[in-house]
């Protein structure tokens, strides 16, 4: 619950997520906590300006959630995503389109249409060796119709070696 890393919770709350803080404690000099999350219809929205640096690592996941929200997700002022492990904006747009999403790409972000644009379908995903892209599309695949294959899926191990095992456990 490091205050420099909790802006994603504010984004989710603004989008209508149902979250409840269960506990806070200190461990190894950090504040950690437990959060209970219930399924909720997310509204979507715009993420831009001063909020971008606070959620820069979570933007791929937020973009991949766009097709599951009411109004979609628009990300602006995030040109920095073009120079991460991959061009994350291009990778997100390409892979979302492969899954059938409606996507508009900008130099500094993208706009992903919400659920009224149609349901995602399984596809072959090219994460371009980028761990955050692989993980974002593994989550998006849970809500897609049909199978999804993520090439070079093991790249997620760079930041989260047990990601797929943990995802399978919580997706049950």
N, C-alpha and C. Protein backbone atom coordinates (compact mmCIF):
# COMPACT_ATOMS: atom_id res chain seq x y z
N UNK A 1 0.82 -1.20 0.00
CA UNK A 1 0.00 0.00 0.00
C UNK A 1 0.86 1.26 0.00
N UNK A 2 2.05 1.09 -0.56
CA UNK A 2 2.95 2.23 -0.71
C UNK A 2 2.17 3.36 -1.41
N UNK A 3 2.11 4.54 -0.81
CA UNK A 3 1.32 5.63 -1.40
C UNK A 3 1.74 6.02 -2.81
N UNK A 4 2.96 5.67 -3.21
CA UNK A 4 3.38 5.98 -4.57
C UNK A 4 2.88 4.93 -5.56
N UNK A 5 2.24 3.85 -5.08
CA UNK A 5 1.80 2.77 -5.95
C UNK A 5 0.29 2.48 -5.86
N UNK A 6 -0.46 3.29 -5.13
CA UNK A 6 -1.89 2.99 -4.93
C UNK A 6 -2.82 3.77 -5.84
N UNK A 7 -2.31 4.55 -6.77
CA UNK A 7 -3.17 5.32 -7.67
C UNK A 7 -4.08 4.42 -8.49
N UNK A 8 -3.65 3.19 -8.76
CA UNK A 8 -4.48 2.25 -9.51
C UNK A 8 -5.78 1.98 -8.75
N UNK A 9 -5.73 1.98 -7.44
CA UNK A 9 -6.94 1.77 -6.65
C UNK A 9 -7.91 2.93 -6.84
N UNK A 10 -7.36 4.14 -6.96
CA UNK A 10 -8.21 5.31 -7.22
C UNK A 10 -8.86 5.21 -8.59
N UNK A 11 -8.11 4.75 -9.59
CA UNK A 11 -8.66 4.58 -10.93
C UNK A 11 -9.79 3.56 -10.90
N UNK A 12 -9.54 2.43 -10.26
CA UNK A 12 -10.58 1.40 -10.17
C UNK A 12 -11.82 1.90 -9.43
N UNK A 13 -11.62 2.64 -8.35
CA UNK A 13 -12.77 3.19 -7.60
C UNK A 13 -13.57 4.14 -8.49
N UNK A 14 -12.90 4.98 -9.23
CA UNK A 14 -13.57 5.92 -10.13
C UNK A 14 -14.36 5.18 -11.21
N UNK A 15 -13.86 4.02 -11.61
CA UNK A 15 -14.52 3.23 -12.63
C UNK A 15 -15.68 2.38 -12.06
N UNK A 16 -15.83 2.38 -10.76
CA UNK A 16 -16.95 1.66 -10.15
C UNK A 16 -16.61 0.32 -9.56
N UNK A 17 -15.33 0.03 -9.36
CA UNK A 17 -14.93 -1.24 -8.76
C UNK A 17 -15.42 -1.31 -7.32
N UNK A 18 -15.76 -2.51 -6.90
CA UNK A 18 -16.20 -2.75 -5.53
C UNK A 18 -15.03 -3.30 -4.73
N UNK A 19 -14.40 -2.43 -3.93
CA UNK A 19 -13.21 -2.82 -3.17
C UNK A 19 -13.39 -2.41 -1.72
N UNK A 20 -12.83 -3.22 -0.83
CA UNK A 20 -12.87 -2.90 0.59
C UNK A 20 -11.52 -3.23 1.20
N UNK A 21 -10.95 -2.26 1.93
CA UNK A 21 -9.68 -2.48 2.62
C UNK A 21 -9.97 -3.33 3.86
N UNK A 22 -9.31 -4.47 3.96
CA UNK A 22 -9.53 -5.37 5.08
C UNK A 22 -8.52 -5.16 6.20
N UNK A 23 -7.27 -4.92 5.83
CA UNK A 23 -6.25 -4.76 6.87
C UNK A 23 -5.05 -4.01 6.32
N UNK A 24 -4.34 -3.35 7.21
CA UNK A 24 -3.07 -2.69 6.90
C UNK A 24 -2.07 -3.11 7.95
N UNK A 25 -0.83 -3.31 7.52
CA UNK A 25 0.24 -3.64 8.45
C UNK A 25 1.57 -3.25 7.83
N UNK A 26 2.61 -3.30 8.62
CA UNK A 26 3.94 -2.96 8.14
C UNK A 26 4.76 -4.25 8.02
N UNK A 27 5.49 -4.34 6.94
CA UNK A 27 6.38 -5.49 6.74
C UNK A 27 7.59 -5.03 5.94
N UNK A 28 8.77 -5.27 6.48
CA UNK A 28 10.03 -4.91 5.82
C UNK A 28 10.06 -3.46 5.39
N UNK A 29 9.55 -2.57 6.23
CA UNK A 29 9.58 -1.15 5.97
C UNK A 29 8.51 -0.63 5.01
N UNK A 30 7.61 -1.50 4.58
CA UNK A 30 6.53 -1.11 3.66
C UNK A 30 5.18 -1.34 4.32
N UNK A 31 4.22 -0.52 3.93
CA UNK A 31 2.84 -0.75 4.37
C UNK A 31 2.21 -1.70 3.38
N UNK A 32 1.69 -2.81 3.88
CA UNK A 32 1.01 -3.78 3.03
C UNK A 32 -0.40 -3.95 3.53
N UNK A 33 -1.26 -4.46 2.69
CA UNK A 33 -2.64 -4.61 3.11
C UNK A 33 -3.36 -5.67 2.32
N UNK A 34 -4.54 -5.97 2.78
CA UNK A 34 -5.42 -6.92 2.11
C UNK A 34 -6.65 -6.17 1.64
N UNK A 35 -7.04 -6.43 0.40
CA UNK A 35 -8.19 -5.78 -0.20
C UNK A 35 -9.13 -6.86 -0.70
N UNK A 36 -10.41 -6.73 -0.35
CA UNK A 36 -11.43 -7.63 -0.89
C UNK A 36 -12.05 -6.94 -2.11
N UNK A 37 -12.15 -7.68 -3.20
CA UNK A 37 -12.70 -7.15 -4.44
C UNK A 37 -13.87 -8.02 -4.87
N UNK A 38 -14.98 -7.39 -5.21
CA UNK A 38 -16.15 -8.12 -5.71
C UNK A 38 -16.33 -7.74 -7.18
N UNK A 39 -16.91 -8.64 -7.93
CA UNK A 39 -17.21 -8.35 -9.33
C UNK A 39 -18.12 -7.13 -9.44
N UNK A 40 -17.87 -6.29 -10.41
CA UNK A 40 -18.68 -5.08 -10.61
C UNK A 40 -18.62 -4.70 -12.08
N UNK A 41 -19.64 -4.04 -12.55
CA UNK A 41 -19.65 -3.51 -13.91
C UNK A 41 -18.81 -2.23 -13.91
N UNK A 42 -17.69 -2.24 -14.59
CA UNK A 42 -16.81 -1.08 -14.62
C UNK A 42 -17.29 -0.08 -15.67
N UNK A 43 -17.23 1.20 -15.30
CA UNK A 43 -17.67 2.27 -16.19
C UNK A 43 -16.67 2.58 -17.29
N UNK A 44 -15.38 2.46 -16.98
CA UNK A 44 -14.35 2.90 -17.91
C UNK A 44 -14.05 4.36 -17.66
N UNK A 45 -13.42 5.02 -18.63
CA UNK A 45 -13.12 6.44 -18.47
C UNK A 45 -11.79 6.82 -19.10
N UNK A 46 -11.37 8.03 -18.78
CA UNK A 46 -10.15 8.61 -19.34
C UNK A 46 -9.07 8.64 -18.26
N UNK A 47 -7.88 8.24 -18.64
CA UNK A 47 -6.72 8.30 -17.76
C UNK A 47 -5.72 9.17 -18.49
N UNK A 48 -5.33 10.30 -17.85
CA UNK A 48 -4.46 11.27 -18.54
C UNK A 48 -3.77 12.17 -17.53
N UNK A 49 -2.95 13.03 -18.06
CA UNK A 49 -2.31 14.10 -17.27
C UNK A 49 -1.46 13.59 -16.14
N UNK A 50 -1.59 14.23 -14.98
CA UNK A 50 -0.74 13.93 -13.83
C UNK A 50 -0.95 12.53 -13.28
N UNK A 51 -2.03 11.88 -13.67
CA UNK A 51 -2.29 10.52 -13.19
C UNK A 51 -1.40 9.48 -13.91
N UNK A 52 -0.99 9.78 -15.12
CA UNK A 52 -0.24 8.82 -15.94
C UNK A 52 1.02 8.29 -15.24
N UNK A 53 1.90 9.14 -14.71
CA UNK A 53 3.10 8.58 -14.08
C UNK A 53 2.79 7.68 -12.88
N UNK A 54 1.65 7.90 -12.26
CA UNK A 54 1.28 7.12 -11.08
C UNK A 54 0.75 5.73 -11.43
N UNK A 55 0.33 5.53 -12.68
CA UNK A 55 -0.21 4.23 -13.11
C UNK A 55 0.47 3.71 -14.38
N UNK A 56 1.65 4.21 -14.69
CA UNK A 56 2.31 3.89 -15.95
C UNK A 56 2.48 2.38 -16.14
N UNK A 57 2.79 1.65 -15.08
CA UNK A 57 2.99 0.21 -15.20
C UNK A 57 1.67 -0.56 -15.32
N UNK A 58 0.59 0.05 -14.89
CA UNK A 58 -0.72 -0.61 -14.94
C UNK A 58 -1.50 -0.29 -16.21
N UNK A 59 -1.00 0.63 -17.04
CA UNK A 59 -1.74 1.03 -18.23
C UNK A 59 -2.02 -0.11 -19.21
N UNK A 60 -1.08 -1.04 -19.44
CA UNK A 60 -1.43 -2.15 -20.33
C UNK A 60 -2.63 -2.95 -19.82
N UNK A 61 -2.66 -3.22 -18.54
CA UNK A 61 -3.78 -3.95 -17.96
C UNK A 61 -5.08 -3.16 -18.09
N UNK A 62 -5.02 -1.85 -17.85
CA UNK A 62 -6.21 -1.02 -17.97
C UNK A 62 -6.73 -0.98 -19.41
N UNK A 63 -5.82 -0.90 -20.37
CA UNK A 63 -6.22 -0.91 -21.78
C UNK A 63 -6.89 -2.23 -22.13
N UNK A 64 -6.33 -3.34 -21.64
CA UNK A 64 -6.90 -4.65 -21.93
C UNK A 64 -8.26 -4.85 -21.25
N UNK A 65 -8.54 -4.10 -20.21
CA UNK A 65 -9.86 -4.15 -19.56
C UNK A 65 -10.88 -3.30 -20.31
N UNK A 66 -10.42 -2.40 -21.16
CA UNK A 66 -11.31 -1.49 -21.88
C UNK A 66 -12.53 -2.14 -22.50
N UNK A 67 -12.38 -3.25 -23.24
CA UNK A 67 -13.54 -3.86 -23.89
C UNK A 67 -14.57 -4.43 -22.91
N UNK A 68 -14.22 -4.53 -21.65
CA UNK A 68 -15.13 -5.07 -20.64
C UNK A 68 -15.84 -3.98 -19.85
N UNK A 69 -15.55 -2.72 -20.17
CA UNK A 69 -16.15 -1.60 -19.46
C UNK A 69 -17.32 -1.03 -20.25
N UNK A 70 -18.12 -0.23 -19.57
CA UNK A 70 -19.28 0.39 -20.22
C UNK A 70 -18.87 1.38 -21.31
N UNK A 71 -17.99 2.30 -20.97
CA UNK A 71 -17.64 3.39 -21.90
C UNK A 71 -16.28 3.21 -22.57
N UNK A 72 -15.58 2.14 -22.24
CA UNK A 72 -14.24 1.96 -22.78
C UNK A 72 -13.20 2.72 -21.97
N UNK A 73 -11.99 2.63 -22.42
CA UNK A 73 -10.85 3.27 -21.74
C UNK A 73 -10.12 4.14 -22.75
N UNK A 74 -9.82 5.37 -22.35
CA UNK A 74 -8.97 6.23 -23.16
C UNK A 74 -7.76 6.60 -22.32
N UNK A 75 -6.59 6.38 -22.89
CA UNK A 75 -5.32 6.71 -22.24
C UNK A 75 -4.64 7.77 -23.08
N UNK A 76 -4.32 8.90 -22.46
CA UNK A 76 -3.64 10.01 -23.15
C UNK A 76 -2.43 10.44 -22.32
N UNK A 77 -1.54 11.20 -22.93
CA UNK A 77 -0.35 11.74 -22.26
C UNK A 77 0.61 10.64 -21.82
N UNK A 78 0.59 9.52 -22.52
CA UNK A 78 1.40 8.37 -22.12
C UNK A 78 2.38 7.95 -23.21
N UNK A 79 2.94 8.91 -23.93
CA UNK A 79 3.89 8.60 -25.00
C UNK A 79 5.07 7.78 -24.50
N UNK A 80 5.37 7.87 -23.20
CA UNK A 80 6.44 7.08 -22.60
C UNK A 80 6.25 5.58 -22.85
N UNK A 81 5.01 5.14 -23.04
CA UNK A 81 4.75 3.72 -23.31
C UNK A 81 5.36 3.26 -24.64
N UNK A 82 5.68 4.20 -25.49
CA UNK A 82 6.29 3.84 -26.79
C UNK A 82 7.74 3.38 -26.64
N UNK A 83 8.37 3.70 -25.50
CA UNK A 83 9.80 3.40 -25.32
C UNK A 83 10.06 2.53 -24.09
N UNK A 84 9.12 1.70 -23.73
CA UNK A 84 9.33 0.73 -22.64
C UNK A 84 9.99 -0.52 -23.24
N UNK A 85 9.76 -1.69 -22.64
CA UNK A 85 10.34 -2.93 -23.17
C UNK A 85 9.95 -3.15 -24.63
N UNK A 86 8.80 -2.64 -24.99
CA UNK A 86 8.34 -2.65 -26.37
C UNK A 86 7.59 -1.34 -26.57
N UNK A 87 7.11 -1.11 -27.78
CA UNK A 87 6.18 0.01 -27.99
C UNK A 87 4.84 -0.50 -27.48
N UNK A 88 4.57 -0.25 -26.23
CA UNK A 88 3.38 -0.82 -25.59
C UNK A 88 2.08 -0.31 -26.21
N UNK A 89 2.06 0.91 -26.68
CA UNK A 89 0.84 1.43 -27.31
C UNK A 89 0.54 0.63 -28.57
N UNK A 90 1.54 0.43 -29.42
CA UNK A 90 1.34 -0.34 -30.65
C UNK A 90 1.00 -1.79 -30.34
N UNK A 91 1.67 -2.38 -29.37
CA UNK A 91 1.41 -3.78 -29.01
C UNK A 91 0.00 -3.94 -28.46
N UNK A 92 -0.45 -3.01 -27.64
CA UNK A 92 -1.81 -3.07 -27.12
C UNK A 92 -2.83 -2.94 -28.24
N UNK A 93 -2.64 -1.96 -29.10
CA UNK A 93 -3.59 -1.74 -30.19
C UNK A 93 -3.64 -2.96 -31.11
N UNK A 94 -2.50 -3.47 -31.51
CA UNK A 94 -2.44 -4.63 -32.40
C UNK A 94 -3.14 -5.84 -31.80
N UNK A 95 -2.82 -6.17 -30.55
CA UNK A 95 -3.36 -7.37 -29.94
C UNK A 95 -4.84 -7.22 -29.57
N UNK A 96 -5.24 -6.04 -29.18
CA UNK A 96 -6.67 -5.82 -28.93
C UNK A 96 -7.46 -5.98 -30.22
N UNK A 97 -6.94 -5.46 -31.32
CA UNK A 97 -7.62 -5.63 -32.61
C UNK A 97 -7.68 -7.10 -33.00
N UNK A 98 -6.62 -7.85 -32.74
CA UNK A 98 -6.63 -9.29 -33.03
C UNK A 98 -7.77 -9.98 -32.30
N UNK A 99 -8.09 -9.47 -31.11
CA UNK A 99 -9.17 -10.07 -30.31
C UNK A 99 -10.53 -9.48 -30.68
N UNK A 100 -10.56 -8.57 -31.64
CA UNK A 100 -11.83 -8.03 -32.10
C UNK A 100 -12.25 -6.73 -31.47
N UNK A 101 -11.38 -6.11 -30.68
CA UNK A 101 -11.71 -4.82 -30.05
C UNK A 101 -11.62 -3.69 -31.06
N UNK A 102 -12.37 -2.65 -30.81
CA UNK A 102 -12.29 -1.42 -31.60
C UNK A 102 -11.31 -0.51 -30.89
N UNK A 103 -10.23 -0.15 -31.58
CA UNK A 103 -9.14 0.62 -30.96
C UNK A 103 -8.75 1.77 -31.87
N UNK A 104 -8.57 2.93 -31.26
CA UNK A 104 -8.02 4.09 -31.95
C UNK A 104 -6.67 4.39 -31.30
N UNK A 105 -5.62 4.42 -32.10
CA UNK A 105 -4.27 4.63 -31.59
C UNK A 105 -3.85 6.08 -31.81
N UNK A 106 -3.21 6.67 -30.79
CA UNK A 106 -2.70 8.04 -30.85
C UNK A 106 -1.20 8.01 -30.57
N UNK A 107 -0.47 9.07 -30.91
CA UNK A 107 0.96 9.11 -30.58
C UNK A 107 1.21 8.97 -29.07
N UNK A 108 0.28 9.44 -28.25
CA UNK A 108 0.47 9.43 -26.80
C UNK A 108 -0.49 8.50 -26.06
N UNK A 109 -1.14 7.58 -26.75
CA UNK A 109 -2.06 6.69 -26.06
C UNK A 109 -2.99 5.96 -27.00
N UNK A 110 -4.14 5.56 -26.50
CA UNK A 110 -5.11 4.87 -27.31
C UNK A 110 -6.48 4.94 -26.66
N UNK A 111 -7.49 4.67 -27.47
CA UNK A 111 -8.86 4.62 -27.00
C UNK A 111 -9.42 3.26 -27.38
N UNK A 112 -9.94 2.56 -26.38
CA UNK A 112 -10.47 1.21 -26.56
C UNK A 112 -11.96 1.27 -26.29
N UNK A 113 -12.75 0.87 -27.28
CA UNK A 113 -14.21 0.89 -27.12
C UNK A 113 -14.65 -0.09 -26.04
N UNK A 114 -15.76 0.23 -25.40
CA UNK A 114 -16.31 -0.60 -24.34
C UNK A 114 -17.09 -1.79 -24.85
N UNK A 115 -17.80 -2.45 -23.94
CA UNK A 115 -18.46 -3.71 -24.25
C UNK A 115 -19.57 -3.62 -25.28
N UNK A 116 -20.13 -2.44 -25.51
CA UNK A 116 -21.17 -2.33 -26.53
C UNK A 116 -20.61 -2.54 -27.93
N UNK A 117 -19.28 -2.47 -28.09
CA UNK A 117 -18.64 -2.69 -29.39
C UNK A 117 -18.52 -4.18 -29.72
N UNK A 118 -18.84 -5.04 -28.76
CA UNK A 118 -18.79 -6.47 -29.02
C UNK A 118 -17.85 -7.20 -28.09
N UNK A 119 -18.05 -8.49 -28.00
CA UNK A 119 -17.27 -9.35 -27.12
C UNK A 119 -15.93 -9.69 -27.76
N UNK A 120 -14.91 -9.80 -26.94
CA UNK A 120 -13.60 -10.21 -27.43
C UNK A 120 -13.63 -11.68 -27.83
N UNK A 121 -12.78 -12.03 -28.80
CA UNK A 121 -12.63 -13.42 -29.20
C UNK A 121 -11.17 -13.82 -28.99
N UNK A 122 -10.96 -15.09 -28.82
CA UNK A 122 -9.62 -15.60 -28.66
C UNK A 122 -8.77 -15.29 -29.89
N UNK A 123 -7.47 -15.19 -29.69
CA UNK A 123 -6.55 -14.85 -30.78
C UNK A 123 -5.15 -15.29 -30.42
N UNK A 124 -4.25 -15.17 -31.37
CA UNK A 124 -2.83 -15.38 -31.11
C UNK A 124 -2.26 -14.01 -30.76
N UNK A 125 -1.70 -13.91 -29.57
CA UNK A 125 -1.19 -12.64 -29.04
C UNK A 125 0.33 -12.61 -29.17
N UNK A 126 0.83 -11.49 -29.64
CA UNK A 126 2.28 -11.25 -29.76
C UNK A 126 2.68 -10.21 -28.71
N UNK A 127 3.20 -10.64 -27.56
CA UNK A 127 3.57 -9.67 -26.53
C UNK A 127 4.87 -8.93 -26.80
N UNK A 128 5.58 -9.30 -27.87
CA UNK A 128 6.84 -8.64 -28.25
C UNK A 128 7.90 -8.73 -27.14
N UNK A 129 7.85 -9.84 -26.39
CA UNK A 129 8.80 -10.03 -25.30
C UNK A 129 8.52 -9.18 -24.08
N UNK A 130 7.37 -8.52 -24.03
CA UNK A 130 7.04 -7.58 -22.96
C UNK A 130 6.15 -8.25 -21.92
N UNK A 131 6.68 -8.37 -20.70
CA UNK A 131 5.97 -9.05 -19.62
C UNK A 131 4.62 -8.44 -19.31
N UNK A 132 4.49 -7.13 -19.34
CA UNK A 132 3.21 -6.50 -19.01
C UNK A 132 2.16 -6.74 -20.10
N UNK A 133 2.58 -6.80 -21.33
CA UNK A 133 1.65 -7.10 -22.43
C UNK A 133 1.16 -8.55 -22.30
N UNK A 134 2.07 -9.48 -22.06
CA UNK A 134 1.68 -10.88 -21.90
C UNK A 134 0.68 -11.05 -20.77
N UNK A 135 0.94 -10.43 -19.63
CA UNK A 135 0.04 -10.57 -18.48
C UNK A 135 -1.30 -9.90 -18.74
N UNK A 136 -1.30 -8.72 -19.35
CA UNK A 136 -2.55 -8.02 -19.63
C UNK A 136 -3.45 -8.85 -20.53
N UNK A 137 -2.87 -9.50 -21.54
CA UNK A 137 -3.69 -10.28 -22.46
C UNK A 137 -4.08 -11.64 -21.90
N UNK A 138 -3.33 -12.15 -20.96
CA UNK A 138 -3.77 -13.37 -20.27
C UNK A 138 -5.05 -13.08 -19.49
N UNK A 139 -5.12 -11.91 -18.88
CA UNK A 139 -6.33 -11.52 -18.15
C UNK A 139 -7.46 -11.25 -19.14
N UNK A 140 -7.20 -10.54 -20.23
CA UNK A 140 -8.24 -10.26 -21.23
C UNK A 140 -8.79 -11.55 -21.80
N UNK A 141 -7.95 -12.56 -21.98
CA UNK A 141 -8.38 -13.83 -22.55
C UNK A 141 -9.41 -14.53 -21.69
N UNK A 142 -9.40 -14.26 -20.39
CA UNK A 142 -10.38 -14.89 -19.50
C UNK A 142 -11.81 -14.53 -19.88
N UNK A 143 -11.99 -13.34 -20.45
CA UNK A 143 -13.33 -12.89 -20.83
C UNK A 143 -13.62 -13.02 -22.31
N UNK A 144 -12.72 -13.62 -23.06
CA UNK A 144 -12.89 -13.74 -24.51
C UNK A 144 -13.57 -15.07 -24.86
N UNK A 145 -14.24 -15.09 -25.99
CA UNK A 145 -14.83 -16.32 -26.51
C UNK A 145 -13.78 -17.05 -27.33
N UNK A 146 -13.53 -18.31 -27.00
CA UNK A 146 -12.56 -19.10 -27.73
C UNK A 146 -11.17 -19.02 -27.11
N UNK A 147 -10.29 -19.90 -27.58
CA UNK A 147 -8.94 -19.98 -27.00
C UNK A 147 -8.03 -18.83 -27.45
N UNK A 148 -7.14 -18.47 -26.55
CA UNK A 148 -6.12 -17.47 -26.84
C UNK A 148 -4.76 -18.11 -26.62
N UNK A 149 -3.85 -17.86 -27.52
CA UNK A 149 -2.47 -18.31 -27.40
C UNK A 149 -1.59 -17.08 -27.26
N UNK A 150 -0.77 -17.06 -26.22
CA UNK A 150 0.17 -15.95 -26.02
C UNK A 150 1.56 -16.48 -26.35
N UNK A 151 2.11 -16.01 -27.45
CA UNK A 151 3.46 -16.43 -27.83
C UNK A 151 4.45 -15.85 -26.83
N UNK A 152 5.51 -16.59 -26.55
CA UNK A 152 6.55 -16.13 -25.63
C UNK A 152 5.95 -15.75 -24.27
N UNK A 153 4.93 -16.52 -23.85
CA UNK A 153 4.22 -16.21 -22.60
C UNK A 153 5.15 -16.19 -21.39
N UNK A 154 6.22 -16.96 -21.44
CA UNK A 154 7.13 -17.04 -20.29
C UNK A 154 7.82 -15.71 -20.00
N UNK A 155 7.72 -14.74 -20.90
CA UNK A 155 8.33 -13.43 -20.63
C UNK A 155 7.72 -12.78 -19.39
N UNK A 156 6.53 -13.20 -18.98
CA UNK A 156 5.92 -12.67 -17.75
C UNK A 156 6.77 -12.96 -16.53
N UNK A 157 7.58 -14.00 -16.60
CA UNK A 157 8.43 -14.37 -15.48
C UNK A 157 9.45 -13.33 -15.08
N UNK A 158 9.72 -12.38 -15.95
CA UNK A 158 10.66 -11.30 -15.63
C UNK A 158 10.24 -10.56 -14.37
N UNK A 159 8.95 -10.29 -14.25
CA UNK A 159 8.46 -9.52 -13.10
C UNK A 159 7.57 -10.33 -12.17
N UNK A 160 7.04 -11.47 -12.65
CA UNK A 160 6.07 -12.22 -11.84
C UNK A 160 6.17 -13.69 -12.23
N UNK A 161 7.16 -14.39 -11.69
CA UNK A 161 7.41 -15.78 -12.09
C UNK A 161 6.23 -16.73 -11.90
N UNK A 162 5.37 -16.49 -10.95
CA UNK A 162 4.23 -17.39 -10.71
C UNK A 162 2.91 -16.81 -11.23
N UNK A 163 3.00 -15.88 -12.17
CA UNK A 163 1.79 -15.21 -12.66
C UNK A 163 0.73 -16.18 -13.16
N UNK A 164 1.09 -17.09 -14.05
CA UNK A 164 0.08 -17.97 -14.66
C UNK A 164 -0.53 -18.92 -13.64
N UNK A 165 0.27 -19.40 -12.70
CA UNK A 165 -0.26 -20.26 -11.65
C UNK A 165 -1.24 -19.47 -10.77
N UNK A 166 -0.85 -18.27 -10.39
CA UNK A 166 -1.73 -17.44 -9.56
C UNK A 166 -2.99 -17.05 -10.30
N UNK A 167 -2.88 -16.72 -11.59
CA UNK A 167 -4.05 -16.37 -12.38
C UNK A 167 -5.01 -17.54 -12.47
N UNK A 168 -4.49 -18.73 -12.71
CA UNK A 168 -5.34 -19.93 -12.78
C UNK A 168 -6.07 -20.15 -11.45
N UNK A 169 -5.38 -19.90 -10.35
CA UNK A 169 -5.98 -20.10 -9.02
C UNK A 169 -7.12 -19.13 -8.77
N UNK A 170 -6.92 -17.85 -9.11
CA UNK A 170 -7.98 -16.86 -8.83
C UNK A 170 -9.09 -16.88 -9.88
N UNK A 171 -8.80 -17.46 -11.05
CA UNK A 171 -9.81 -17.51 -12.12
C UNK A 171 -10.77 -18.70 -11.94
N UNK A 172 -10.46 -19.59 -11.02
CA UNK A 172 -11.32 -20.77 -10.82
C UNK A 172 -12.68 -20.37 -10.30
